[in-house]
PDB file of N, CA and C in Angstrom:
ATOM      1  N   UNK A   1      -3.324  36.402  43.217  1.00  0.00           N
ATOM      2  CA  UNK A   1      -3.594  35.038  42.390  1.00  0.00           C
ATOM      3  C   UNK A   1      -2.942  33.912  43.406  1.00  0.00           C
ATOM      4  N   UNK A   2      -3.864  32.516  43.462  1.00  0.00           N
ATOM      5  CA  UNK A   2      -3.838  31.804  44.426  1.00  0.00           C
ATOM      6  C   UNK A   2      -2.790  30.597  43.647  1.00  0.00           C
ATOM      7  N   UNK A   3      -2.207  29.982  44.250  1.00  0.00           N
ATOM      8  CA  UNK A   3      -0.598  29.112  44.258  1.00  0.00           C
ATOM      9  C   UNK A   3      -1.668  28.092  43.046  1.00  0.00           C
ATOM     10  N   UNK A   4      -2.457  27.177  42.648  1.00  0.00           N
ATOM     11  CA  UNK A   4      -2.996  26.421  41.975  1.00  0.00           C
ATOM     12  C   UNK A   4      -3.621  26.607  40.595  1.00  0.00           C
ATOM     13  N   UNK A   5      -3.834  28.544  40.217  1.00  0.00           N
ATOM     14  CA  UNK A   5      -4.068  29.047  39.316  1.00  0.00           C
ATOM     15  C   UNK A   5      -2.039  29.484  38.803  1.00  0.00           C
ATOM     16  N   UNK A   6      -1.741  29.475  39.687  1.00  0.00           N
ATOM     17  CA  UNK A   6      -0.158  29.390  39.644  1.00  0.00           C
ATOM     18  C   UNK A   6       0.669  28.655  38.537  1.00  0.00           C
ATOM     19  N   UNK A   7       0.423  27.737  39.506  1.00  0.00           N
ATOM     20  CA  UNK A   7       0.489  26.405  38.753  1.00  0.00           C
ATOM     21  C   UNK A   7      -0.160  25.407  37.405  1.00  0.00           C
ATOM     22  N   UNK A   8      -1.272  25.846  37.355  1.00  0.00           N
ATOM     23  CA  UNK A   8      -2.479  25.786  36.240  1.00  0.00           C
ATOM     24  C   UNK A   8      -1.616  26.435  34.858  1.00  0.00           C
ATOM     25  N   UNK A   9      -1.554  27.641  35.183  1.00  0.00           N
ATOM     26  CA  UNK A   9      -0.446  28.869  33.987  1.00  0.00           C
ATOM     27  C   UNK A   9       0.940  27.994  33.846  1.00  0.00           C
ATOM     28  N   UNK A  10       1.228  27.872  34.508  1.00  0.00           N
ATOM     29  CA  UNK A  10       2.770  27.446  34.354  1.00  0.00           C
ATOM     30  C   UNK A  10       2.610  26.118  33.939  1.00  0.00           C
ATOM     31  N   UNK A  11       1.822  25.106  33.327  1.00  0.00           N
ATOM     32  CA  UNK A  11       1.718  23.903  33.070  1.00  0.00           C
ATOM     33  C   UNK A  11       1.471  24.225  31.561  1.00  0.00           C
ATOM     34  N   UNK A  12       0.321  25.187  31.646  1.00  0.00           N
ATOM     35  CA  UNK A  12      -0.658  25.575  30.510  1.00  0.00           C
ATOM     36  C   UNK A  12       0.498  26.454  29.111  1.00  0.00           C
ATOM     37  N   UNK A  13       1.440  27.470  29.986  1.00  0.00           N
ATOM     38  CA  UNK A  13       2.844  27.527  29.103  1.00  0.00           C
ATOM     39  C   UNK A  13       3.549  26.920  28.339  1.00  0.00           C
ATOM     40  N   UNK A  14       4.307  26.155  29.422  1.00  0.00           N
ATOM     41  CA  UNK A  14       5.147  24.488  29.471  1.00  0.00           C
ATOM     42  C   UNK A  14       4.628  24.127  27.970  1.00  0.00           C
ATOM     43  N   UNK A  15       3.281  23.752  28.416  1.00  0.00           N
ATOM     44  CA  UNK A  15       2.490  22.642  26.960  1.00  0.00           C
ATOM     45  C   UNK A  15       2.942  23.400  26.432  1.00  0.00           C
ATOM     46  N   UNK A  16       2.533  25.058  26.116  1.00  0.00           N
ATOM     47  CA  UNK A  16       1.694  25.851  25.377  1.00  0.00           C
ATOM     48  C   UNK A  16       3.622  26.486  23.924  1.00  0.00           C
ATOM     49  N   UNK A  17       4.687  25.976  24.530  1.00  0.00           N
ATOM     50  CA  UNK A  17       6.190  25.536  24.156  1.00  0.00           C
ATOM     51  C   UNK A  17       6.310  24.640  23.706  1.00  0.00           C
ATOM     52  N   UNK A  18       5.786  23.720  24.505  1.00  0.00           N
ATOM     53  CA  UNK A  18       7.011  22.222  23.731  1.00  0.00           C
ATOM     54  C   UNK A  18       6.107  21.011  23.173  1.00  0.00           C
ATOM     55  N   UNK A  19       4.838  21.894  22.926  1.00  0.00           N
ATOM     56  CA  UNK A  19       4.407  20.514  21.585  1.00  0.00           C
ATOM     57  C   UNK A  19       3.623  21.644  20.931  1.00  0.00           C
ATOM     58  N   UNK A  20       4.445  21.707  19.481  1.00  0.00           N
ATOM     59  CA  UNK A  20       4.393  22.251  18.271  1.00  0.00           C
ATOM     60  C   UNK A  20       2.988  22.506  17.915  1.00  0.00           C
ATOM     61  N   UNK A  21       2.574  23.421  17.583  1.00  0.00           N
ATOM     62  CA  UNK A  21       0.616  23.565  17.385  1.00  0.00           C
ATOM     63  C   UNK A  21       1.359  23.391  15.555  1.00  0.00           C
ATOM     64  N   UNK A  22      -0.113  22.980  15.095  1.00  0.00           N
ATOM     65  CA  UNK A  22      -0.100  22.882  13.502  1.00  0.00           C
ATOM     66  C   UNK A  22      -1.605  24.588  13.080  1.00  0.00           C
ATOM     67  N   UNK A  23      -0.259  24.562  12.558  1.00  0.00           N
ATOM     68  CA  UNK A  23      -1.892  26.204  11.499  1.00  0.00           C
ATOM     69  C   UNK A  23      -2.029  25.302  10.239  1.00  0.00           C
ATOM     70  N   UNK A  24      -3.283  26.069  10.281  1.00  0.00           N
ATOM     71  CA  UNK A  24      -4.156  26.310   8.616  1.00  0.00           C
ATOM     72  C   UNK A  24      -2.878  25.397   6.990  1.00  0.00           C
ATOM     73  N   UNK A  25      -3.236  24.459   6.867  1.00  0.00           N
ATOM     74  CA  UNK A  25      -2.489  23.726   5.911  1.00  0.00           C
ATOM     75  C   UNK A  25      -1.059  23.216   6.129  1.00  0.00           C
ATOM     76  N   UNK A  26      -0.708  22.924   7.278  1.00  0.00           N
ATOM     77  CA  UNK A  26      -0.286  21.956   7.909  1.00  0.00           C
ATOM     78  C   UNK A  26      -0.414  20.634   8.123  1.00  0.00           C
ATOM     79  N   UNK A  27      -1.979  20.056   7.792  1.00  0.00           N
ATOM     80  CA  UNK A  27      -2.016  18.775   8.298  1.00  0.00           C
ATOM     81  C   UNK A  27      -1.757  17.661   6.674  1.00  0.00           C
ATOM     82  N   UNK A  28      -1.339  16.612   8.315  1.00  0.00           N
ATOM     83  CA  UNK A  28      -0.680  15.752   7.682  1.00  0.00           C
ATOM     84  C   UNK A  28      -1.853  14.674   6.507  1.00  0.00           C
ATOM     85  N   UNK A  29      -1.501  14.526   5.515  1.00  0.00           N
ATOM     86  CA  UNK A  29      -3.178  13.941   4.619  1.00  0.00           C
ATOM     87  C   UNK A  29      -2.372  12.746   4.185  1.00  0.00           C
ATOM     88  N   UNK A  30      -2.795  11.786   3.657  1.00  0.00           N
ATOM     89  CA  UNK A  30      -2.636  11.145   2.968  1.00  0.00           C
ATOM     90  C   UNK A  30      -3.650  10.585   2.221  1.00  0.00           C
ATOM     91  N   UNK A  31      -3.661  10.301   0.840  1.00  0.00           N
ATOM     92  CA  UNK A  31      -4.516   9.801  -0.572  1.00  0.00           C
ATOM     93  C   UNK A  31      -5.005   8.330  -0.514  1.00  0.00           C
ATOM     94  N   UNK A  32      -6.194   7.946  -0.016  1.00  0.00           N
ATOM     95  CA  UNK A  32      -6.246   6.019  -0.119  1.00  0.00           C
ATOM     96  C   UNK A  32      -7.670   6.558  -0.913  1.00  0.00           C
ATOM     97  N   UNK A  33      -7.785   4.763  -1.093  1.00  0.00           N
ATOM     98  CA  UNK A  33      -8.530   4.285  -2.205  1.00  0.00           C
ATOM     99  C   UNK A  33     -10.439   4.182  -1.211  1.00  0.00           C
ATOM    100  N   UNK A  34     -11.264   4.694  -1.884  1.00  0.00           N
ATOM    101  CA  UNK A  34     -12.361   4.240  -1.431  1.00  0.00           C
ATOM    102  C   UNK A  34     -12.611   3.272  -1.116  1.00  0.00           C
ATOM    103  N   UNK A  35     -13.127   2.754  -0.202  1.00  0.00           N
ATOM    104  CA  UNK A  35     -13.385   0.838   0.109  1.00  0.00           C
ATOM    105  C   UNK A  35     -14.863   0.593  -0.872  1.00  0.00           C
ATOM    106  N   UNK A  36     -15.751   1.588  -0.146  1.00  0.00           N
ATOM    107  CA  UNK A  36     -16.922   1.163  -1.094  1.00  0.00           C
ATOM    108  C   UNK A  36     -16.891   1.637  -3.049  1.00  0.00           C
ATOM    109  N   UNK A  37     -15.595   1.797  -3.825  1.00  0.00           N
ATOM    110  CA  UNK A  37     -15.007   1.560  -4.959  1.00  0.00           C
ATOM    111  C   UNK A  37     -15.208  -0.077  -5.726  1.00  0.00           C
ATOM    112  N   UNK A  38     -15.998   0.017  -6.659  1.00  0.00           N
ATOM    113  CA  UNK A  38     -15.410  -1.743  -6.690  1.00  0.00           C
ATOM    114  C   UNK A  38     -13.926  -2.058  -7.666  1.00  0.00           C
ATOM    115  N   UNK A  39     -14.063  -3.156  -7.412  1.00  0.00           N
ATOM    116  CA  UNK A  39     -12.601  -3.658  -8.047  1.00  0.00           C
ATOM    117  C   UNK A  39     -12.023  -3.541  -9.139  1.00  0.00           C
ATOM    118  N   UNK A  40     -13.034  -3.391  -9.940  1.00  0.00           N
ATOM    119  CA  UNK A  40     -12.448  -3.313 -11.673  1.00  0.00           C
ATOM    120  C   UNK A  40     -12.079  -1.512 -11.891  1.00  0.00           C
ATOM    121  N   UNK A  41     -12.969  -0.891 -10.732  1.00  0.00           N
ATOM    122  CA  UNK A  41     -13.078   0.661 -11.066  1.00  0.00           C
ATOM    123  C   UNK A  41     -10.876   1.268 -10.149  1.00  0.00           C
ATOM    124  N   UNK A  42     -10.958   0.627  -9.358  1.00  0.00           N
ATOM    125  CA  UNK A  42     -10.296   0.945  -8.931  1.00  0.00           C
ATOM    126  C   UNK A  42      -8.700   0.123  -9.311  1.00  0.00           C
ATOM    127  N   UNK A  43      -9.186  -0.871 -10.044  1.00  0.00           N
ATOM    128  CA  UNK A  43      -8.062  -1.638 -11.351  1.00  0.00           C
ATOM    129  C   UNK A  43      -7.255  -0.350 -12.126  1.00  0.00           C
ATOM    130  N   UNK A  44      -8.462   0.022 -12.694  1.00  0.00           N
ATOM    131  CA  UNK A  44      -7.787   0.605 -13.599  1.00  0.00           C
ATOM    132  C   UNK A  44      -7.454   2.080 -13.362  1.00  0.00           C
ATOM    133  N   UNK A  45      -7.795   2.945 -12.379  1.00  0.00           N
ATOM    134  CA  UNK A  45      -7.368   3.926 -11.664  1.00  0.00           C
ATOM    135  C   UNK A  45      -5.683   3.264 -11.110  1.00  0.00           C
ATOM    136  N   UNK A  46      -6.102   2.683 -10.089  1.00  0.00           N
ATOM    137  CA  UNK A  46      -4.457   1.764  -9.890  1.00  0.00           C
ATOM    138  C   UNK A  46      -3.470   1.893 -11.256  1.00  0.00           C
ATOM    139  N   UNK A  47      -3.865   0.907 -12.609  1.00  0.00           N
ATOM    140  CA  UNK A  47      -2.686   1.043 -13.859  1.00  0.00           C
ATOM    141  C   UNK A  47      -3.235   2.186 -13.794  1.00  0.00           C
ATOM    142  N   UNK A  48      -3.658   3.319 -14.109  1.00  0.00           N
ATOM    143  CA  UNK A  48      -2.953   4.689 -14.476  1.00  0.00           C
ATOM    144  C   UNK A  48      -2.197   5.440 -13.542  1.00  0.00           C
ATOM    145  N   UNK A  49      -2.250   5.099 -12.062  1.00  0.00           N
ATOM    146  CA  UNK A  49      -1.330   5.972 -11.624  1.00  0.00           C
ATOM    147  C   UNK A  49      -0.005   5.258 -11.611  1.00  0.00           C
ATOM    148  N   UNK A  50      -0.092   3.738 -11.759  1.00  0.00           N
ATOM    149  CA  UNK A  50       1.360   3.314 -11.627  1.00  0.00           C
ATOM    150  C   UNK A  50       1.501   3.681 -13.346  1.00  0.00           C
ATOM    151  N   UNK A  51       0.989   3.841 -13.697  1.00  0.00           N
ATOM    152  CA  UNK A  51       1.638   3.749 -15.241  1.00  0.00           C
ATOM    153  C   UNK A  51       1.992   5.684 -15.930  1.00  0.00           C
ATOM    154  N   UNK A  52       0.823   5.984 -16.254  1.00  0.00           N
ATOM    155  CA  UNK A  52       0.807   7.277 -17.342  1.00  0.00           C
ATOM    156  C   UNK A  52       1.357   7.801 -15.500  1.00  0.00           C
ATOM    157  N   UNK A  53       0.074   7.826 -14.803  1.00  0.00           N
ATOM    158  CA  UNK A  53       0.692   9.125 -13.595  1.00  0.00           C
ATOM    159  C   UNK A  53       1.903   8.954 -12.638  1.00  0.00           C
ATOM    160  N   UNK A  54       2.749   8.175 -13.299  1.00  0.00           N
ATOM    161  CA  UNK A  54       3.808   8.538 -12.326  1.00  0.00           C
ATOM    162  C   UNK A  54       4.418   8.328 -11.005  1.00  0.00           C
ATOM    163  N   UNK A  55       3.511   7.119 -10.697  1.00  0.00           N
ATOM    164  CA  UNK A  55       3.795   7.005  -8.846  1.00  0.00           C
ATOM    165  C   UNK A  55       4.523   5.256  -9.363  1.00  0.00           C
ATOM    166  N   UNK A  56       5.644   5.964  -7.928  1.00  0.00           N
ATOM    167  CA  UNK A  56       6.423   4.699  -7.838  1.00  0.00           C
ATOM    168  C   UNK A  56       5.913   3.879  -7.547  1.00  0.00           C
ATOM    169  N   UNK A  57       5.755   2.149  -7.773  1.00  0.00           N
ATOM    170  CA  UNK A  57       4.323   1.297  -7.035  1.00  0.00           C
ATOM    171  C   UNK A  57       5.227  -0.408  -6.965  1.00  0.00           C
ATOM    172  N   UNK A  58       6.579  -0.230  -7.303  1.00  0.00           N
ATOM    173  CA  UNK A  58       7.498  -1.096  -6.924  1.00  0.00           C
ATOM    174  C   UNK A  58       7.128  -1.538  -5.139  1.00  0.00           C
ATOM    175  N   UNK A  59       6.505  -0.950  -3.921  1.00  0.00           N
ATOM    176  CA  UNK A  59       6.866  -1.470  -2.780  1.00  0.00           C
ATOM    177  C   UNK A  59       5.457  -2.366  -2.638  1.00  0.00           C
ATOM    178  N   UNK A  60       4.236  -2.683  -3.715  1.00  0.00           N
ATOM    179  CA  UNK A  60       3.484  -3.381  -4.111  1.00  0.00           C
ATOM    180  C   UNK A  60       3.347  -4.331  -4.432  1.00  0.00           C
ATOM    181  N   UNK A  61       4.422  -4.761  -5.111  1.00  0.00           N
ATOM    182  CA  UNK A  61       4.867  -5.804  -5.903  1.00  0.00           C
ATOM    183  C   UNK A  61       5.046  -7.646  -4.862  1.00  0.00           C
ATOM    184  N   UNK A  62       4.987  -8.281  -5.951  1.00  0.00           N
ATOM    185  CA  UNK A  62       5.197  -9.754  -5.415  1.00  0.00           C
ATOM    186  C   UNK A  62       7.223  -8.904  -4.115  1.00  0.00           C
ATOM    187  N   UNK A  63       6.873 -10.023  -2.894  1.00  0.00           N
ATOM    188  CA  UNK A  63       8.141  -9.961  -2.090  1.00  0.00           C
ATOM    189  C   UNK A  63       8.277  -8.705  -1.777  1.00  0.00           C
ATOM    190  N   UNK A  64       7.418  -7.600  -1.658  1.00  0.00           N
ATOM    191  CA  UNK A  64       7.660  -6.234  -0.901  1.00  0.00           C
ATOM    192  C   UNK A  64       6.899  -5.530  -0.134  1.00  0.00           C
ATOM    193  N   UNK A  65       7.386  -4.482   0.643  1.00  0.00           N
ATOM    194  CA  UNK A  65       6.797  -4.512   2.381  1.00  0.00           C
ATOM    195  C   UNK A  65       5.499  -3.782   1.717  1.00  0.00           C
ATOM    196  N   UNK A  66       4.826  -3.497   0.737  1.00  0.00           N
ATOM    197  CA  UNK A  66       3.361  -3.060   0.772  1.00  0.00           C
ATOM    198  C   UNK A  66       2.589  -3.956  -0.127  1.00  0.00           C
ATOM    199  N   UNK A  67       3.327  -5.555  -0.095  1.00  0.00           N
ATOM    200  CA  UNK A  67       2.399  -6.407  -1.415  1.00  0.00           C
ATOM    201  C   UNK A  67       1.046  -7.010   0.428  1.00  0.00           C
ATOM    202  N   UNK A  68       0.888  -7.221   0.861  1.00  0.00           N
ATOM    203  CA  UNK A  68       0.554  -8.072   1.584  1.00  0.00           C
ATOM    204  C   UNK A  68      -0.311  -6.866   2.190  1.00  0.00           C
ATOM    205  N   UNK A  69      -1.500  -7.092   2.788  1.00  0.00           N
ATOM    206  CA  UNK A  69      -2.532  -7.561   2.210  1.00  0.00           C
ATOM    207  C   UNK A  69      -2.716  -7.302   0.877  1.00  0.00           C
ATOM    208  N   UNK A  70      -2.623  -8.377   0.518  1.00  0.00           N
ATOM    209  CA  UNK A  70      -3.075  -8.674  -1.373  1.00  0.00           C
ATOM    210  C   UNK A  70      -4.593  -8.340  -1.667  1.00  0.00           C
ATOM    211  N   UNK A  71      -4.382  -6.512  -1.742  1.00  0.00           N
ATOM    212  CA  UNK A  71      -5.925  -6.460  -2.477  1.00  0.00           C
ATOM    213  C   UNK A  71      -6.429  -4.905  -3.103  1.00  0.00           C
ATOM    214  N   UNK A  72      -7.116  -5.217  -3.974  1.00  0.00           N
ATOM    215  CA  UNK A  72      -7.490  -3.906  -4.575  1.00  0.00           C
ATOM    216  C   UNK A  72      -7.308  -2.915  -4.053  1.00  0.00           C
ATOM    217  N   UNK A  73      -7.965  -2.774  -3.023  1.00  0.00           N
ATOM    218  CA  UNK A  73      -8.256  -1.809  -1.848  1.00  0.00           C
ATOM    219  C   UNK A  73      -6.939  -1.198  -1.655  1.00  0.00           C
ATOM    220  N   UNK A  74      -5.514  -1.827  -0.853  1.00  0.00           N
ATOM    221  CA  UNK A  74      -4.479  -2.226  -0.771  1.00  0.00           C
ATOM    222  C   UNK A  74      -3.453  -0.982  -1.541  1.00  0.00           C
ATOM    223  N   UNK A  75      -3.734  -2.261  -3.150  1.00  0.00           N
ATOM    224  CA  UNK A  75      -3.219  -1.649  -3.727  1.00  0.00           C
ATOM    225  C   UNK A  75      -2.796  -0.563  -4.801  1.00  0.00           C
ATOM    226  N   UNK A  76      -3.751  -0.362  -4.563  1.00  0.00           N
ATOM    227  CA  UNK A  76      -4.766   1.196  -5.280  1.00  0.00           C
ATOM    228  C   UNK A  76      -4.322   2.226  -3.676  1.00  0.00           C
ATOM    229  N   UNK A  77      -4.182   2.295  -2.780  1.00  0.00           N
ATOM    230  CA  UNK A  77      -4.235   3.232  -1.605  1.00  0.00           C
ATOM    231  C   UNK A  77      -3.306   3.313  -1.917  1.00  0.00           C
ATOM    232  N   UNK A  78      -2.021   2.185  -1.774  1.00  0.00           N
ATOM    233  CA  UNK A  78      -0.604   2.844  -1.918  1.00  0.00           C
ATOM    234  C   UNK A  78      -0.457   3.324  -2.618  1.00  0.00           C
ATOM    235  N   UNK A  79      -0.811   2.774  -4.084  1.00  0.00           N
ATOM    236  CA  UNK A  79      -0.195   3.573  -4.760  1.00  0.00           C
ATOM    237  C   UNK A  79      -0.778   5.194  -5.048  1.00  0.00           C
ATOM    238  N   UNK A  80      -2.863   5.146  -4.936  1.00  0.00           N
ATOM    239  CA  UNK A  80      -2.794   7.113  -5.195  1.00  0.00           C
ATOM    240  C   UNK A  80      -2.069   7.226  -3.787  1.00  0.00           C
ATOM    241  N   UNK A  81      -1.323   6.864  -2.927  1.00  0.00           N
ATOM    242  CA  UNK A  81      -1.069   8.673  -2.026  1.00  0.00           C
ATOM    243  C   UNK A  81       0.424   8.286  -2.971  1.00  0.00           C
ATOM    244  N   UNK A  82       1.368   7.358  -3.319  1.00  0.00           N
ATOM    245  CA  UNK A  82       2.397   7.590  -4.087  1.00  0.00           C
ATOM    246  C   UNK A  82       2.421   8.810  -5.015  1.00  0.00           C
ATOM    247  N   UNK A  83       1.159   8.609  -5.651  1.00  0.00           N
ATOM    248  CA  UNK A  83       0.560   9.506  -6.877  1.00  0.00           C
ATOM    249  C   UNK A  83       0.591  11.345  -6.610  1.00  0.00           C
ATOM    250  N   UNK A  84      -0.804  10.746  -5.096  1.00  0.00           N
ATOM    251  CA  UNK A  84      -0.605  12.263  -4.674  1.00  0.00           C
ATOM    252  C   UNK A  84       0.238  13.201  -3.590  1.00  0.00           C
ATOM    253  N   UNK A  85       1.462  12.349  -2.736  1.00  0.00           N
ATOM    254  CA  UNK A  85       2.543  12.724  -2.472  1.00  0.00           C
ATOM    255  C   UNK A  85       3.391  13.696  -3.264  1.00  0.00           C
ATOM    256  N   UNK A  86       3.902  12.623  -4.487  1.00  0.00           N
ATOM    257  CA  UNK A  86       4.351  13.195  -5.284  1.00  0.00           C
ATOM    258  C   UNK A  86       3.917  14.864  -6.031  1.00  0.00           C
ATOM    259  N   UNK A  87       2.756  14.778  -6.794  1.00  0.00           N
ATOM    260  CA  UNK A  87       1.962  15.474  -7.420  1.00  0.00           C
ATOM    261  C   UNK A  87       1.340  16.456  -6.952  1.00  0.00           C
ATOM    262  N   UNK A  88       1.701  16.391  -5.683  1.00  0.00           N
ATOM    263  CA  UNK A  88      -0.267  17.288  -5.187  1.00  0.00           C
ATOM    264  C   UNK A  88       0.578  19.229  -4.934  1.00  0.00           C
ATOM    265  N   UNK A  89       1.871  19.409  -4.749  1.00  0.00           N
ATOM    266  CA  UNK A  89       2.014  20.729  -5.816  1.00  0.00           C
ATOM    267  C   UNK A  89       2.507  21.710  -7.113  1.00  0.00           C
ATOM    268  N   UNK A  90       2.495  20.208  -7.566  1.00  0.00           N
ATOM    269  CA  UNK A  90       1.869  20.444  -9.257  1.00  0.00           C
ATOM    270  C   UNK A  90       0.474  20.416 -10.135  1.00  0.00           C
ATOM    271  N   UNK A  91      -0.375  20.398  -8.886  1.00  0.00           N
ATOM    272  CA  UNK A  91      -1.006  20.240  -9.842  1.00  0.00           C
ATOM    273  C   UNK A  91      -2.370  18.943  -9.265  1.00  0.00           C
ATOM    274  N   UNK A  92      -1.211  17.964  -8.599  1.00  0.00           N
ATOM    275  CA  UNK A  92      -1.746  17.167  -8.957  1.00  0.00           C
ATOM    276  C   UNK A  92      -3.259  16.495  -7.553  1.00  0.00           C
ATOM    277  N   UNK A  93      -3.762  15.512  -8.194  1.00  0.00           N
ATOM    278  CA  UNK A  93      -5.314  15.684  -6.513  1.00  0.00           C
ATOM    279  C   UNK A  93      -4.776  14.311  -6.289  1.00  0.00           C
ATOM    280  N   UNK A  94      -6.158  14.034  -5.062  1.00  0.00           N
ATOM    281  CA  UNK A  94      -7.120  12.285  -4.702  1.00  0.00           C
ATOM    282  C   UNK A  94      -7.933  12.542  -5.263  1.00  0.00           C
ATOM    283  N   UNK A  95      -8.260  12.496  -5.938  1.00  0.00           N
ATOM    284  CA  UNK A  95      -9.161  11.241  -7.156  1.00  0.00           C
ATOM    285  C   UNK A  95      -9.811  10.443  -7.390  1.00  0.00           C
ATOM    286  N   UNK A  96      -9.076  10.303  -8.770  1.00  0.00           N
ATOM    287  CA  UNK A  96      -8.498   8.599  -9.186  1.00  0.00           C
ATOM    288  C   UNK A  96     -10.525   8.678  -9.880  1.00  0.00           C
ATOM    289  N   UNK A  97     -11.150   9.843 -10.502  1.00  0.00           N
ATOM    290  CA  UNK A  97     -12.564   9.968 -10.807  1.00  0.00           C
ATOM    291  C   UNK A  97     -13.929   9.046  -9.254  1.00  0.00           C
ATOM    292  N   UNK A  98     -13.473   9.531  -8.573  1.00  0.00           N
ATOM    293  CA  UNK A  98     -13.897   8.944  -7.407  1.00  0.00           C
ATOM    294  C   UNK A  98     -13.266   8.014  -6.148  1.00  0.00           C
ATOM    295  N   UNK A  99     -12.763   7.170  -7.048  1.00  0.00           N
ATOM    296  CA  UNK A  99     -11.723   6.308  -6.767  1.00  0.00           C
ATOM    297  C   UNK A  99     -11.500   6.004  -5.000  1.00  0.00           C
ATOM    298  N   UNK A 100     -10.772   7.651  -4.561  1.00  0.00           N
ATOM    299  CA  UNK A 100     -10.242   7.550  -3.865  1.00  0.00           C
ATOM    300  C   UNK A 100     -10.548   9.388  -2.745  1.00  0.00           C
ATOM    301  N   UNK A 101      -9.872   9.284  -1.496  1.00  0.00           N
ATOM    302  CA  UNK A 101     -10.391   9.816  -0.651  1.00  0.00           C
ATOM    303  C   UNK A 101      -8.838  10.869   0.417  1.00  0.00           C
ATOM    304  N   UNK A 102      -9.197  11.521   0.808  1.00  0.00           N
ATOM    305  CA  UNK A 102      -7.791  12.583   1.517  1.00  0.00           C
ATOM    306  C   UNK A 102      -8.452  11.610   3.256  1.00  0.00           C
ATOM    307  N   UNK A 103      -7.549  11.589   3.587  1.00  0.00           N
ATOM    308  CA  UNK A 103      -7.905  11.002   4.775  1.00  0.00           C
ATOM    309  C   UNK A 103      -6.158  11.633   5.850  1.00  0.00           C
ATOM    310  N   UNK A 104      -6.644  11.962   7.193  1.00  0.00           N
ATOM    311  CA  UNK A 104      -5.596  12.678   8.354  1.00  0.00           C
ATOM    312  C   UNK A 104      -4.791  11.468   9.609  1.00  0.00           C
ATOM    313  N   UNK A 105      -5.713  10.282   9.400  1.00  0.00           N
ATOM    314  CA  UNK A 105      -5.174   8.395   9.795  1.00  0.00           C
ATOM    315  C   UNK A 105      -3.866   8.055   8.815  1.00  0.00           C
ATOM    316  N   UNK A 106      -2.988   8.203   9.277  1.00  0.00           N
ATOM    317  CA  UNK A 106      -1.897   7.547   8.361  1.00  0.00           C
ATOM    318  C   UNK A 106      -2.592   6.189   8.559  1.00  0.00           C
ATOM    319  N   UNK A 107      -2.328   5.833   6.296  1.00  0.00           N
ATOM    320  CA  UNK A 107      -2.218   4.642   6.778  1.00  0.00           C
ATOM    321  C   UNK A 107      -1.280   3.386   6.879  1.00  0.00           C
ATOM    322  N   UNK A 108      -0.347   3.660   7.057  1.00  0.00           N
ATOM    323  CA  UNK A 108       0.732   2.787   6.945  1.00  0.00           C
ATOM    324  C   UNK A 108       0.827   1.563   8.063  1.00  0.00           C
ATOM    325  N   UNK A 109       1.276   0.344   7.989  1.00  0.00           N
ATOM    326  CA  UNK A 109       1.088  -0.137   8.274  1.00  0.00           C
ATOM    327  C   UNK A 109       2.232  -1.564   8.801  1.00  0.00           C
ATOM    328  N   UNK A 110       2.684  -1.805  10.342  1.00  0.00           N
ATOM    329  CA  UNK A 110       3.855  -2.956  10.049  1.00  0.00           C
ATOM    330  C   UNK A 110       4.895  -2.331   9.240  1.00  0.00           C
ATOM    331  N   UNK A 111       5.182  -3.348   8.147  1.00  0.00           N
ATOM    332  CA  UNK A 111       6.754  -2.439   7.666  1.00  0.00           C
ATOM    333  C   UNK A 111       6.563  -2.167   5.911  1.00  0.00           C
ATOM    334  N   UNK A 112       4.905  -1.757   5.642  1.00  0.00           N
ATOM    335  CA  UNK A 112       4.790  -0.963   4.952  1.00  0.00           C
ATOM    336  C   UNK A 112       4.393   1.007   5.619  1.00  0.00           C
ATOM    337  N   UNK A 113       5.095   1.526   4.287  1.00  0.00           N
ATOM    338  CA  UNK A 113       5.450   3.085   5.739  1.00  0.00           C
ATOM    339  C   UNK A 113       4.540   3.862   3.880  1.00  0.00           C
ATOM    340  N   UNK A 114       3.631   5.109   4.211  1.00  0.00           N
ATOM    341  CA  UNK A 114       2.898   5.387   2.747  1.00  0.00           C
ATOM    342  C   UNK A 114       4.095   6.922   3.556  1.00  0.00           C
ATOM    343  N   UNK A 115       4.039   6.994   2.697  1.00  0.00           N
ATOM    344  CA  UNK A 115       4.724   8.252   2.465  1.00  0.00           C
ATOM    345  C   UNK A 115       3.703  10.271   2.824  1.00  0.00           C
ATOM    346  N   UNK A 116       4.535  10.512   3.052  1.00  0.00           N
ATOM    347  CA  UNK A 116       4.160  12.053   3.415  1.00  0.00           C
ATOM    348  C   UNK A 116       4.671  12.754   3.488  1.00  0.00           C
ATOM    349  N   UNK A 117       4.617  14.080   2.284  1.00  0.00           N
ATOM    350  CA  UNK A 117       5.502  14.583   2.441  1.00  0.00           C
ATOM    351  C   UNK A 117       4.782  16.341   2.116  1.00  0.00           C
ATOM    352  N   UNK A 118       5.355  17.371   3.099  1.00  0.00           N
ATOM    353  CA  UNK A 118       5.082  18.130   3.109  1.00  0.00           C
ATOM    354  C   UNK A 118       4.500  19.199   2.342  1.00  0.00           C
TER     355      UNK A 118
END
C-alpha cells in the first residue's frame, strides 16, 4: 500500500470517529410558517397555537427576544415551532391547515432562539 493511500485511509478513519453521523430520524427539524400563506390565515393558526394549542408565545410579545421582526410570518413561525417541539412526540404536527412547513435549517436569529427537542 502506498504511503499516500495509507494517509488518506487514516484521515478518513479519524474523521469517521470524530464527526458523529446522524442516523435516520435524527435530523433536526423546525416548524415554520409558509411565507406564501396569507396573514389572515397565519393569524388564525397563530391564535390557536398560542391559545388552545398550548405553545409558549411569551417570546414574541413586545420587548421580548423574538418580537422583531414584528411580522405575522415571523411570529407565526415562532409559535408553530414551539407547539411542534412540545407536542411532536405526542401526536402534534407541523401543518396548521397548510400554513406551516418543516425545515432542517435552524430559523434562530440574533437573540431569538428557536427550540429544538430531539
